[in-house]
PDB file of N, CA and C in Angstrom:
ATOM      1  N   UNK A   1      27.062  -2.354  16.306  1.00  0.00           N
ATOM      2  CA  UNK A   1      26.507  -1.636  15.161  1.00  0.00           C
ATOM      3  C   UNK A   1      26.479  -0.142  15.485  1.00  0.00           C
ATOM      4  N   UNK A   2      26.924   0.637  14.561  1.00  0.00           N
ATOM      5  CA  UNK A   2      26.945   2.082  14.781  1.00  0.00           C
ATOM      6  C   UNK A   2      25.535   2.660  14.706  1.00  0.00           C
ATOM      7  N   UNK A   3      25.389   3.828  15.290  1.00  0.00           N
ATOM      8  CA  UNK A   3      24.079   4.491  15.313  1.00  0.00           C
ATOM      9  C   UNK A   3      23.541   4.714  13.898  1.00  0.00           C
ATOM     10  N   UNK A   4      24.415   5.139  12.986  1.00  0.00           N
ATOM     11  CA  UNK A   4      23.935   5.386  11.617  1.00  0.00           C
ATOM     12  C   UNK A   4      23.459   4.099  10.961  1.00  0.00           C
ATOM     13  N   UNK A   5      24.111   2.971  11.276  1.00  0.00           N
ATOM     14  CA  UNK A   5      23.678   1.686  10.724  1.00  0.00           C
ATOM     15  C   UNK A   5      22.305   1.304  11.265  1.00  0.00           C
ATOM     16  N   UNK A   6      22.073   1.573  12.549  1.00  0.00           N
ATOM     17  CA  UNK A   6      20.766   1.293  13.151  1.00  0.00           C
ATOM     18  C   UNK A   6      19.685   2.141  12.494  1.00  0.00           C
ATOM     19  N   UNK A   7      20.012   3.386  12.219  1.00  0.00           N
ATOM     20  CA  UNK A   7      19.056   4.285  11.563  1.00  0.00           C
ATOM     21  C   UNK A   7      18.742   3.777  10.159  1.00  0.00           C
ATOM     22  N   UNK A   8      19.763   3.349   9.427  1.00  0.00           N
ATOM     23  CA  UNK A   8      19.564   2.831   8.067  1.00  0.00           C
ATOM     24  C   UNK A   8      18.666   1.600   8.096  1.00  0.00           C
ATOM     25  N   UNK A   9      18.924   0.679   9.029  1.00  0.00           N
ATOM     26  CA  UNK A   9      18.101  -0.529   9.150  1.00  0.00           C
ATOM     27  C   UNK A   9      16.654  -0.150   9.454  1.00  0.00           C
ATOM     28  N   UNK A  10      16.467   0.780  10.372  1.00  0.00           N
ATOM     29  CA  UNK A  10      15.125   1.220  10.743  1.00  0.00           C
ATOM     30  C   UNK A  10      14.403   1.857   9.559  1.00  0.00           C
ATOM     31  N   UNK A  11      15.094   2.705   8.821  1.00  0.00           N
ATOM     32  CA  UNK A  11      14.478   3.357   7.666  1.00  0.00           C
ATOM     33  C   UNK A  11      14.122   2.348   6.578  1.00  0.00           C
ATOM     34  N   UNK A  12      14.970   1.351   6.385  1.00  0.00           N
ATOM     35  CA  UNK A  12      14.667   0.314   5.390  1.00  0.00           C
ATOM     36  C   UNK A  12      13.419  -0.464   5.786  1.00  0.00           C
ATOM     37  N   UNK A  13      13.298  -0.784   7.087  1.00  0.00           N
ATOM     38  CA  UNK A  13      12.112  -1.494   7.566  1.00  0.00           C
ATOM     39  C   UNK A  13      10.863  -0.645   7.369  1.00  0.00           C
ATOM     40  N   UNK A  14      10.968   0.643   7.674  1.00  0.00           N
ATOM     41  CA  UNK A  14       9.825   1.542   7.489  1.00  0.00           C
ATOM     42  C   UNK A  14       9.436   1.625   6.016  1.00  0.00           C
ATOM     43  N   UNK A  15      10.429   1.707   5.142  1.00  0.00           N
ATOM     44  CA  UNK A  15      10.171   1.784   3.707  1.00  0.00           C
ATOM     45  C   UNK A  15       9.470   0.521   3.218  1.00  0.00           C
ATOM     46  N   UNK A  16       9.951  -0.652   3.651  1.00  0.00           N
ATOM     47  CA  UNK A  16       9.314  -1.912   3.250  1.00  0.00           C
ATOM     48  C   UNK A  16       7.854  -1.944   3.688  1.00  0.00           C
ATOM     49  N   UNK A  17       7.594  -1.500   4.919  1.00  0.00           N
ATOM     50  CA  UNK A  17       6.228  -1.491   5.455  1.00  0.00           C
ATOM     51  C   UNK A  17       5.330  -0.586   4.621  1.00  0.00           C
ATOM     52  N   UNK A  18       5.801   0.610   4.323  1.00  0.00           N
ATOM     53  CA  UNK A  18       5.006   1.562   3.541  1.00  0.00           C
ATOM     54  C   UNK A  18       4.772   1.029   2.128  1.00  0.00           C
ATOM     55  N   UNK A  19       5.777   0.403   1.536  1.00  0.00           N
ATOM     56  CA  UNK A  19       5.615  -0.144   0.189  1.00  0.00           C
ATOM     57  C   UNK A  19       4.596  -1.281   0.173  1.00  0.00           C
ATOM     58  N   UNK A  20       4.598  -2.125   1.220  1.00  0.00           N
ATOM     59  CA  UNK A  20       3.590  -3.195   1.317  1.00  0.00           C
ATOM     60  C   UNK A  20       2.193  -2.598   1.426  1.00  0.00           C
ATOM     61  N   UNK A  21       2.038  -1.594   2.280  1.00  0.00           N
ATOM     62  CA  UNK A  21       0.735  -0.950   2.458  1.00  0.00           C
ATOM     63  C   UNK A  21       0.276  -0.306   1.154  1.00  0.00           C
ATOM     64  N   UNK A  22       1.191   0.351   0.456  1.00  0.00           N
ATOM     65  CA  UNK A  22       0.862   0.996  -0.814  1.00  0.00           C
ATOM     66  C   UNK A  22       0.412  -0.041  -1.839  1.00  0.00           C
ATOM     67  N   UNK A  23       1.113  -1.152  -1.892  1.00  0.00           N
ATOM     68  CA  UNK A  23       0.762  -2.208  -2.834  1.00  0.00           C
ATOM     69  C   UNK A  23      -0.632  -2.756  -2.526  1.00  0.00           C
ATOM     70  N   UNK A  24      -0.925  -2.967  -1.243  1.00  0.00           N
ATOM     71  CA  UNK A  24      -2.237  -3.473  -0.844  1.00  0.00           C
ATOM     72  C   UNK A  24      -3.332  -2.481  -1.222  1.00  0.00           C
ATOM     73  N   UNK A  25      -3.065  -1.196  -1.033  1.00  0.00           N
ATOM     74  CA  UNK A  25      -4.057  -0.176  -1.388  1.00  0.00           C
ATOM     75  C   UNK A  25      -4.290  -0.140  -2.895  1.00  0.00           C
ATOM     76  N   UNK A  26      -3.224  -0.279  -3.666  1.00  0.00           N
ATOM     77  CA  UNK A  26      -3.375  -0.298  -5.125  1.00  0.00           C
ATOM     78  C   UNK A  26      -4.212  -1.496  -5.559  1.00  0.00           C
ATOM     79  N   UNK A  27      -3.995  -2.653  -4.925  1.00  0.00           N
ATOM     80  CA  UNK A  27      -4.777  -3.844  -5.254  1.00  0.00           C
ATOM     81  C   UNK A  27      -6.244  -3.636  -4.900  1.00  0.00           C
ATOM     82  N   UNK A  28      -6.497  -3.021  -3.751  1.00  0.00           N
ATOM     83  CA  UNK A  28      -7.874  -2.765  -3.334  1.00  0.00           C
ATOM     84  C   UNK A  28      -8.563  -1.802  -4.301  1.00  0.00           C
ATOM     85  N   UNK A  29      -7.865  -0.761  -4.716  1.00  0.00           N
ATOM     86  CA  UNK A  29      -8.425   0.199  -5.677  1.00  0.00           C
ATOM     87  C   UNK A  29      -8.731  -0.498  -7.000  1.00  0.00           C
ATOM     88  N   UNK A  30      -7.819  -1.341  -7.456  1.00  0.00           N
ATOM     89  CA  UNK A  30      -8.040  -2.062  -8.711  1.00  0.00           C
ATOM     90  C   UNK A  30      -9.270  -2.956  -8.603  1.00  0.00           C
ATOM     91  N   UNK A  31      -9.434  -3.637  -7.479  1.00  0.00           N
ATOM     92  CA  UNK A  31     -10.598  -4.499  -7.278  1.00  0.00           C
ATOM     93  C   UNK A  31     -11.883  -3.677  -7.251  1.00  0.00           C
ATOM     94  N   UNK A  32     -11.871  -2.558  -6.540  1.00  0.00           N
ATOM     95  CA  UNK A  32     -13.060  -1.703  -6.474  1.00  0.00           C
ATOM     96  C   UNK A  32     -13.410  -1.146  -7.850  1.00  0.00           C
ATOM     97  N   UNK A  33     -12.413  -0.734  -8.611  1.00  0.00           N
ATOM     98  CA  UNK A  33     -12.662  -0.242  -9.970  1.00  0.00           C
ATOM     99  C   UNK A  33     -13.252  -1.340 -10.847  1.00  0.00           C
ATOM    100  N   UNK A  34     -12.732  -2.551 -10.703  1.00  0.00           N
ATOM    101  CA  UNK A  34     -13.256  -3.687 -11.465  1.00  0.00           C
ATOM    102  C   UNK A  34     -14.718  -3.934 -11.098  1.00  0.00           C
ATOM    103  N   UNK A  35     -15.012  -3.919  -9.792  1.00  0.00           N
ATOM    104  CA  UNK A  35     -16.387  -4.146  -9.353  1.00  0.00           C
ATOM    105  C   UNK A  35     -17.311  -3.033  -9.842  1.00  0.00           C
ATOM    106  N   UNK A  36     -16.816  -1.806  -9.848  1.00  0.00           N
ATOM    107  CA  UNK A  36     -17.615  -0.690 -10.378  1.00  0.00           C
ATOM    108  C   UNK A  36     -17.944  -0.916 -11.849  1.00  0.00           C
ATOM    109  N   UNK A  37     -16.929  -1.311 -12.618  1.00  0.00           N
ATOM    110  CA  UNK A  37     -17.126  -1.533 -14.049  1.00  0.00           C
ATOM    111  C   UNK A  37     -18.090  -2.683 -14.308  1.00  0.00           C
ATOM    112  N   UNK A  38     -18.055  -3.671 -13.459  1.00  0.00           N
ATOM    113  CA  UNK A  38     -18.949  -4.820 -13.615  1.00  0.00           C
ATOM    114  C   UNK A  38     -20.353  -4.522 -13.096  1.00  0.00           C
ATOM    115  N   UNK A  39     -20.516  -3.370 -12.463  1.00  0.00           N
ATOM    116  CA  UNK A  39     -21.828  -2.985 -11.957  1.00  0.00           C
ATOM    117  C   UNK A  39     -22.199  -3.641 -10.646  1.00  0.00           C
ATOM    118  N   UNK A  40     -21.204  -4.213  -9.956  1.00  0.00           N
ATOM    119  CA  UNK A  40     -21.497  -4.885  -8.691  1.00  0.00           C
ATOM    120  C   UNK A  40     -21.773  -3.896  -7.573  1.00  0.00           C
ATOM    121  N   UNK A  41     -21.164  -2.720  -7.672  1.00  0.00           N
ATOM    122  CA  UNK A  41     -21.414  -1.695  -6.665  1.00  0.00           C
ATOM    123  C   UNK A  41     -21.782  -0.404  -7.372  1.00  0.00           C
ATOM    124  N   UNK A  42     -22.588   0.386  -6.711  1.00  0.00           N
ATOM    125  CA  UNK A  42     -23.023   1.653  -7.291  1.00  0.00           C
ATOM    126  C   UNK A  42     -22.063   2.753  -6.869  1.00  0.00           C
ATOM    127  N   UNK A  43     -21.676   3.626  -7.785  1.00  0.00           N
ATOM    128  CA  UNK A  43     -20.798   4.736  -7.396  1.00  0.00           C
ATOM    129  C   UNK A  43     -21.508   5.656  -6.414  1.00  0.00           C
ATOM    130  N   UNK A  44     -20.778   6.169  -5.452  1.00  0.00           N
ATOM    131  CA  UNK A  44     -21.372   7.099  -4.494  1.00  0.00           C
ATOM    132  C   UNK A  44     -21.514   8.465  -5.144  1.00  0.00           C
ATOM    133  N   UNK A  45     -22.497   9.221  -4.653  1.00  0.00           N
ATOM    134  CA  UNK A  45     -22.752  10.546  -5.240  1.00  0.00           C
ATOM    135  C   UNK A  45     -21.943  11.608  -4.561  1.00  0.00           C
TER     136      UNK A  45
END
């Protein structure tokens, strides 16, 4: 495998990892917003 191919594979893996983390953060934010709206948690000042 050429060096550029190794770099492409590495960058794709990094991108997948970041996209998974971003998706998880979006889900967490959505859950926290839902809990805020339901009054389960108090907004911080």
